[in-house]
Amino acid sequence: MQIRRAFRFELCPSGAQARLMSQFAGSCRYVYNRTLATEKSLYGKDKAHRFNYVECANRLVLWIE
């Protein structure tokens, strides 16, 4: 007989922590959406274009400036 157990945890962030988590999620959304738009436009111009992580990471540095 196999016994299965589960644990449930709940995050209770303070106000400052909640703002930081929201800011982090917004930053992730921004990077994802901008990368997706860039890749779609590059693919639209050249159907042979393939996603390259190194190129995307290098572009990210330019977006920060």
PDB file of N, CA and C in Angstrom:
ATOM      1  N   MET A   1       0.838  -1.165   0.000  1.00  0.00           N
ATOM      2  CA  MET A   1       0.000   0.000   0.000  1.00  0.00           C
ATOM      3  C   MET A   1       0.896   1.247   0.000  1.00  0.00           C
ATOM      4  N   GLN A   2       0.576   2.160  -0.877  1.00  0.00           N
ATOM      5  CA  GLN A   2       1.357   3.400  -0.984  1.00  0.00           C
ATOM      6  C   GLN A   2       0.597   4.537  -0.310  1.00  0.00           C
ATOM      7  N   ILE A   3       1.277   5.234   0.569  1.00  0.00           N
ATOM      8  CA  ILE A   3       0.663   6.367   1.266  1.00  0.00           C
ATOM      9  C   ILE A   3       1.074   7.656   0.560  1.00  0.00           C
ATOM     10  N   ARG A   4       0.118   8.447   0.213  1.00  0.00           N
ATOM     11  CA  ARG A   4       0.400   9.727  -0.449  1.00  0.00           C
ATOM     12  C   ARG A   4       0.108  10.858   0.523  1.00  0.00           C
ATOM     13  N   ARG A   5       1.038  11.781   0.601  1.00  0.00           N
ATOM     14  CA  ARG A   5       0.851  12.927   1.471  1.00  0.00           C
ATOM     15  C   ARG A   5       1.093  14.196   0.676  1.00  0.00           C
ATOM     16  N   ALA A   6       0.412  15.210   1.048  1.00  0.00           N
ATOM     17  CA  ALA A   6       0.573  16.505   0.375  1.00  0.00           C
ATOM     18  C   ALA A   6       0.637  17.599   1.432  1.00  0.00           C
ATOM     19  N   PHE A   7       1.336  18.622   1.112  1.00  0.00           N
ATOM     20  CA  PHE A   7       1.440  19.772   1.994  1.00  0.00           C
ATOM     21  C   PHE A   7       0.968  20.998   1.235  1.00  0.00           C
ATOM     22  N   ARG A   8       0.248  21.850   1.900  1.00  0.00           N
ATOM     23  CA  ARG A   8      -0.241  23.072   1.280  1.00  0.00           C
ATOM     24  C   ARG A   8       0.359  24.255   2.020  1.00  0.00           C
ATOM     25  N   PHE A   9       0.952  25.157   1.245  1.00  0.00           N
ATOM     26  CA  PHE A   9       1.560  26.350   1.816  1.00  0.00           C
ATOM     27  C   PHE A   9       0.891  27.577   1.222  1.00  0.00           C
ATOM     28  N   GLU A  10       0.829  28.616   1.987  1.00  0.00           N
ATOM     29  CA  GLU A  10       0.246  29.866   1.511  1.00  0.00           C
ATOM     30  C   GLU A  10       1.235  30.993   1.773  1.00  0.00           C
ATOM     31  N   LEU A  11       1.482  31.788   0.732  1.00  0.00           N
ATOM     32  CA  LEU A  11       2.353  32.945   0.893  1.00  0.00           C
ATOM     33  C   LEU A  11       1.566  34.092   1.508  1.00  0.00           C
ATOM     34  N   CYS A  12       2.157  34.741   2.460  1.00  0.00           N
ATOM     35  CA  CYS A  12       1.549  35.912   3.082  1.00  0.00           C
ATOM     36  C   CYS A  12       2.572  37.047   3.059  1.00  0.00           C
ATOM     37  N   PRO A  13       2.791  37.628   1.879  1.00  0.00           N
ATOM     38  CA  PRO A  13       3.815  38.667   1.787  1.00  0.00           C
ATOM     39  C   PRO A  13       3.352  39.973   2.438  1.00  0.00           C
ATOM     40  N   SER A  14       4.328  40.744   2.888  1.00  0.00           N
ATOM     41  CA  SER A  14       4.010  42.074   3.402  1.00  0.00           C
ATOM     42  C   SER A  14       3.713  42.982   2.207  1.00  0.00           C
ATOM     43  N   GLY A  15       3.323  44.202   2.472  1.00  0.00           N
ATOM     44  CA  GLY A  15       3.000  45.124   1.385  1.00  0.00           C
ATOM     45  C   GLY A  15       4.174  45.359   0.452  1.00  0.00           C
ATOM     46  N   ALA A  16       5.373  45.544   1.005  1.00  0.00           N
ATOM     47  CA  ALA A  16       6.567  45.785   0.181  1.00  0.00           C
ATOM     48  C   ALA A  16       6.910  44.546  -0.643  1.00  0.00           C
ATOM     49  N   GLN A  17       6.784  43.367  -0.035  1.00  0.00           N
ATOM     50  CA  GLN A  17       7.077  42.134  -0.762  1.00  0.00           C
ATOM     51  C   GLN A  17       6.082  41.908  -1.889  1.00  0.00           C
ATOM     52  N   ALA A  18       4.820  42.209  -1.639  1.00  0.00           N
ATOM     53  CA  ALA A  18       3.793  42.052  -2.677  1.00  0.00           C
ATOM     54  C   ALA A  18       4.069  42.986  -3.853  1.00  0.00           C
ATOM     55  N   ARG A  19       4.485  44.218  -3.560  1.00  0.00           N
ATOM     56  CA  ARG A  19       4.816  45.157  -4.646  1.00  0.00           C
ATOM     57  C   ARG A  19       6.017  44.651  -5.451  1.00  0.00           C
ATOM     58  N   LEU A  20       7.028  44.126  -4.780  1.00  0.00           N
ATOM     59  CA  LEU A  20       8.194  43.599  -5.478  1.00  0.00           C
ATOM     60  C   LEU A  20       7.838  42.392  -6.342  1.00  0.00           C
ATOM     61  N   MET A  21       6.980  41.520  -5.830  1.00  0.00           N
ATOM     62  CA  MET A  21       6.566  40.355  -6.619  1.00  0.00           C
ATOM     63  C   MET A  21       5.754  40.790  -7.832  1.00  0.00           C
ATOM     64  N   SER A  22       4.911  41.794  -7.663  1.00  0.00           N
ATOM     65  CA  SER A  22       4.130  42.316  -8.785  1.00  0.00           C
ATOM     66  C   SER A  22       5.030  42.975  -9.818  1.00  0.00           C
ATOM     67  N   GLN A  23       6.022  43.709  -9.345  1.00  0.00           N
ATOM     68  CA  GLN A  23       6.972  44.361 -10.254  1.00  0.00           C
ATOM     69  C   GLN A  23       7.775  43.314 -11.023  1.00  0.00           C
ATOM     70  N   PHE A  24       8.183  42.258 -10.345  1.00  0.00           N
ATOM     71  CA  PHE A  24       8.935  41.181 -10.989  1.00  0.00           C
ATOM     72  C   PHE A  24       8.098  40.512 -12.075  1.00  0.00           C
ATOM     73  N   ALA A  25       6.827  40.222 -11.767  1.00  0.00           N
ATOM     74  CA  ALA A  25       5.939  39.596 -12.747  1.00  0.00           C
ATOM     75  C   ALA A  25       5.724  40.516 -13.950  1.00  0.00           C
ATOM     76  N   GLY A  26       5.582  41.810 -13.706  1.00  0.00           N
ATOM     77  CA  GLY A  26       5.415  42.765 -14.804  1.00  0.00           C
ATOM     78  C   GLY A  26       6.652  42.830 -15.685  1.00  0.00           C
ATOM     79  N   SER A  27       7.823  42.772 -15.084  1.00  0.00           N
ATOM     80  CA  SER A  27       9.070  42.780 -15.850  1.00  0.00           C
ATOM     81  C   SER A  27       9.184  41.532 -16.713  1.00  0.00           C
ATOM     82  N   CYS A  28       8.798  40.398 -16.149  1.00  0.00           N
ATOM     83  CA  CYS A  28       8.831  39.142 -16.916  1.00  0.00           C
ATOM     84  C   CYS A  28       7.884  39.205 -18.109  1.00  0.00           C
ATOM     85  N   ARG A  29       6.679  39.738 -17.876  1.00  0.00           N
ATOM     86  CA  ARG A  29       5.711  39.884 -18.974  1.00  0.00           C
ATOM     87  C   ARG A  29       6.255  40.781 -20.065  1.00  0.00           C
ATOM     88  N   TYR A  30       6.888  41.905 -19.670  1.00  0.00           N
ATOM     89  CA  TYR A  30       7.448  42.851 -20.640  1.00  0.00           C
ATOM     90  C   TYR A  30       8.510  42.172 -21.508  1.00  0.00           C
ATOM     91  N   VAL A  31       9.440  41.472 -20.871  1.00  0.00           N
ATOM     92  CA  VAL A  31      10.518  40.813 -21.619  1.00  0.00           C
ATOM     93  C   VAL A  31       9.948  39.749 -22.548  1.00  0.00           C
ATOM     94  N   TYR A  32       9.007  38.935 -22.056  1.00  0.00           N
ATOM     95  CA  TYR A  32       8.411  37.891 -22.885  1.00  0.00           C
ATOM     96  C   TYR A  32       7.694  38.486 -24.096  1.00  0.00           C
ATOM     97  N   ASN A  33       6.843  39.481 -23.863  1.00  0.00           N
ATOM     98  CA  ASN A  33       6.067  40.064 -24.959  1.00  0.00           C
ATOM     99  C   ASN A  33       6.952  40.774 -25.972  1.00  0.00           C
ATOM    100  N   ARG A  34       7.965  41.497 -25.501  1.00  0.00           N
ATOM    101  CA  ARG A  34       8.845  42.203 -26.435  1.00  0.00           C
ATOM    102  C   ARG A  34       9.683  41.211 -27.252  1.00  0.00           C
ATOM    103  N   THR A  35      10.165  40.148 -26.609  1.00  0.00           N
ATOM    104  CA  THR A  35      10.921  39.123 -27.331  1.00  0.00           C
ATOM    105  C   THR A  35      10.033  38.428 -28.349  1.00  0.00           C
ATOM    106  N   LEU A  36       8.805  38.113 -27.965  1.00  0.00           N
ATOM    107  CA  LEU A  36       7.877  37.463 -28.884  1.00  0.00           C
ATOM    108  C   LEU A  36       7.599  38.348 -30.097  1.00  0.00           C
ATOM    109  N   ALA A  37       7.366  39.630 -29.875  1.00  0.00           N
ATOM    110  CA  ALA A  37       7.096  40.552 -30.979  1.00  0.00           C
ATOM    111  C   ALA A  37       8.312  40.659 -31.907  1.00  0.00           C
ATOM    112  N   THR A  38       9.498  40.734 -31.318  1.00  0.00           N
ATOM    113  CA  THR A  38      10.719  40.828 -32.124  1.00  0.00           C
ATOM    114  C   THR A  38      10.914  39.568 -32.959  1.00  0.00           C
ATOM    115  N   GLU A  39      10.742  38.417 -32.329  1.00  0.00           N
ATOM    116  CA  GLU A  39      10.917  37.152 -33.056  1.00  0.00           C
ATOM    117  C   GLU A  39       9.875  36.994 -34.159  1.00  0.00           C
ATOM    118  N   LYS A  40       8.628  37.412 -33.894  1.00  0.00           N
ATOM    119  CA  LYS A  40       7.591  37.331 -34.931  1.00  0.00           C
ATOM    120  C   LYS A  40       7.936  38.224 -36.120  1.00  0.00           C
ATOM    121  N   SER A  41       8.435  39.437 -35.839  1.00  0.00           N
ATOM    122  CA  SER A  41       8.770  40.335 -36.946  1.00  0.00           C
ATOM    123  C   SER A  41       9.964  39.804 -37.736  1.00  0.00           C
ATOM    124  N   LEU A  42      10.952  39.245 -37.054  1.00  0.00           N
ATOM    125  CA  LEU A  42      12.104  38.674 -37.756  1.00  0.00           C
ATOM    126  C   LEU A  42      11.686  37.469 -38.589  1.00  0.00           C
ATOM    127  N   TYR A  43      10.795  36.653 -38.058  1.00  0.00           N
ATOM    128  CA  TYR A  43      10.308  35.502 -38.808  1.00  0.00           C
ATOM    129  C   TYR A  43       9.461  35.944 -39.996  1.00  0.00           C
ATOM    130  N   GLY A  44       8.713  37.032 -39.822  1.00  0.00           N
ATOM    131  CA  GLY A  44       7.901  37.546 -40.922  1.00  0.00           C
ATOM    132  C   GLY A  44       8.753  38.045 -42.074  1.00  0.00           C
ATOM    133  N   LYS A  45       9.910  38.607 -41.761  1.00  0.00           N
ATOM    134  CA  LYS A  45      10.816  39.095 -42.807  1.00  0.00           C
ATOM    135  C   LYS A  45      11.572  37.958 -43.475  1.00  0.00           C
ATOM    136  N   ASP A  46      11.947  36.950 -42.693  1.00  0.00           N
ATOM    137  CA  ASP A  46      12.744  35.839 -43.213  1.00  0.00           C
ATOM    138  C   ASP A  46      12.217  34.545 -42.604  1.00  0.00           C
ATOM    139  N   LYS A  47      11.527  33.752 -43.400  1.00  0.00           N
ATOM    140  CA  LYS A  47      10.906  32.529 -42.896  1.00  0.00           C
ATOM    141  C   LYS A  47      11.935  31.504 -42.418  1.00  0.00           C
ATOM    142  N   ALA A  48      13.195  31.670 -42.781  1.00  0.00           N
ATOM    143  CA  ALA A  48      14.242  30.742 -42.351  1.00  0.00           C
ATOM    144  C   ALA A  48      14.788  31.106 -40.974  1.00  0.00           C
ATOM    145  N   HIS A  49      14.312  32.215 -40.405  1.00  0.00           N
ATOM    146  CA  HIS A  49      14.808  32.654 -39.093  1.00  0.00           C
ATOM    147  C   HIS A  49      14.415  31.650 -38.018  1.00  0.00           C
ATOM    148  N   ARG A  50      15.372  31.320 -37.164  1.00  0.00           N
ATOM    149  CA  ARG A  50      15.122  30.421 -36.039  1.00  0.00           C
ATOM    150  C   ARG A  50      15.413  31.146 -34.744  1.00  0.00           C
ATOM    151  N   PHE A  51      14.685  30.797 -33.701  1.00  0.00           N
ATOM    152  CA  PHE A  51      14.889  31.390 -32.393  1.00  0.00           C
ATOM    153  C   PHE A  51      16.286  31.030 -31.893  1.00  0.00           C
ATOM    154  N   ASN A  52      17.010  32.044 -31.393  1.00  0.00           N
ATOM    155  CA  ASN A  52      18.347  31.837 -30.871  1.00  0.00           C
ATOM    156  C   ASN A  52      18.421  32.523 -29.514  1.00  0.00           C
ATOM    157  N   TYR A  53      18.638  31.737 -28.472  1.00  0.00           N
ATOM    158  CA  TYR A  53      18.646  32.271 -27.119  1.00  0.00           C
ATOM    159  C   TYR A  53      19.732  33.324 -26.930  1.00  0.00           C
ATOM    160  N   VAL A  54      20.907  33.095 -27.478  1.00  0.00           N
ATOM    161  CA  VAL A  54      22.024  34.017 -27.291  1.00  0.00           C
ATOM    162  C   VAL A  54      21.693  35.388 -27.892  1.00  0.00           C
ATOM    163  N   GLU A  55      21.093  35.407 -29.071  1.00  0.00           N
ATOM    164  CA  GLU A  55      20.694  36.677 -29.682  1.00  0.00           C
ATOM    165  C   GLU A  55      19.666  37.404 -28.817  1.00  0.00           C
ATOM    166  N   CYS A  56      18.699  36.663 -28.284  1.00  0.00           N
ATOM    167  CA  CYS A  56      17.673  37.271 -27.431  1.00  0.00           C
ATOM    168  C   CYS A  56      18.291  37.831 -26.153  1.00  0.00           C
ATOM    169  N   ALA A  57      19.216  37.092 -25.561  1.00  0.00           N
ATOM    170  CA  ALA A  57      19.865  37.561 -24.332  1.00  0.00           C
ATOM    171  C   ALA A  57      20.690  38.809 -24.605  1.00  0.00           C
ATOM    172  N   ASN A  58      21.330  38.874 -25.752  1.00  0.00           N
ATOM    173  CA  ASN A  58      22.111  40.063 -26.105  1.00  0.00           C
ATOM    174  C   ASN A  58      21.206  41.264 -26.347  1.00  0.00           C
ATOM    175  N   ARG A  59      20.020  41.042 -26.922  1.00  0.00           N
ATOM    176  CA  ARG A  59      19.068  42.132 -27.128  1.00  0.00           C
ATOM    177  C   ARG A  59      18.540  42.663 -25.802  1.00  0.00           C
ATOM    178  N   LEU A  60      18.378  41.789 -24.836  1.00  0.00           N
ATOM    179  CA  LEU A  60      17.873  42.190 -23.519  1.00  0.00           C
ATOM    180  C   LEU A  60      18.760  43.245 -22.880  1.00  0.00           C
ATOM    181  N   VAL A  61      20.053  43.117 -23.028  1.00  0.00           N
ATOM    182  CA  VAL A  61      20.985  44.081 -22.478  1.00  0.00           C
ATOM    183  C   VAL A  61      20.773  45.460 -23.129  1.00  0.00           C
ATOM    184  N   LEU A  62      20.462  45.464 -24.416  1.00  0.00           N
ATOM    185  CA  LEU A  62      20.245  46.732 -25.120  1.00  0.00           C
ATOM    186  C   LEU A  62      18.941  47.393 -24.685  1.00  0.00           C
ATOM    187  N   TRP A  63      17.938  46.606 -24.289  1.00  0.00           N
ATOM    188  CA  TRP A  63      16.655  47.172 -23.858  1.00  0.00           C
ATOM    189  C   TRP A  63      16.771  47.879 -22.531  1.00  0.00           C
ATOM    190  N   ILE A  64      17.712  47.474 -21.713  1.00  0.00           N
ATOM    191  CA  ILE A  64      17.872  48.073 -20.385  1.00  0.00           C
ATOM    192  C   ILE A  64      18.377  49.500 -20.487  1.00  0.00           C
ATOM    193  N   GLU A  65      19.196  49.753 -21.460  1.00  0.00           N
ATOM    194  CA  GLU A  65      19.801  51.079 -21.602  1.00  0.00           C
ATOM    195  C   GLU A  65      18.798  52.120 -22.028  1.00  0.00           C
TER     196      GLU A  65
END
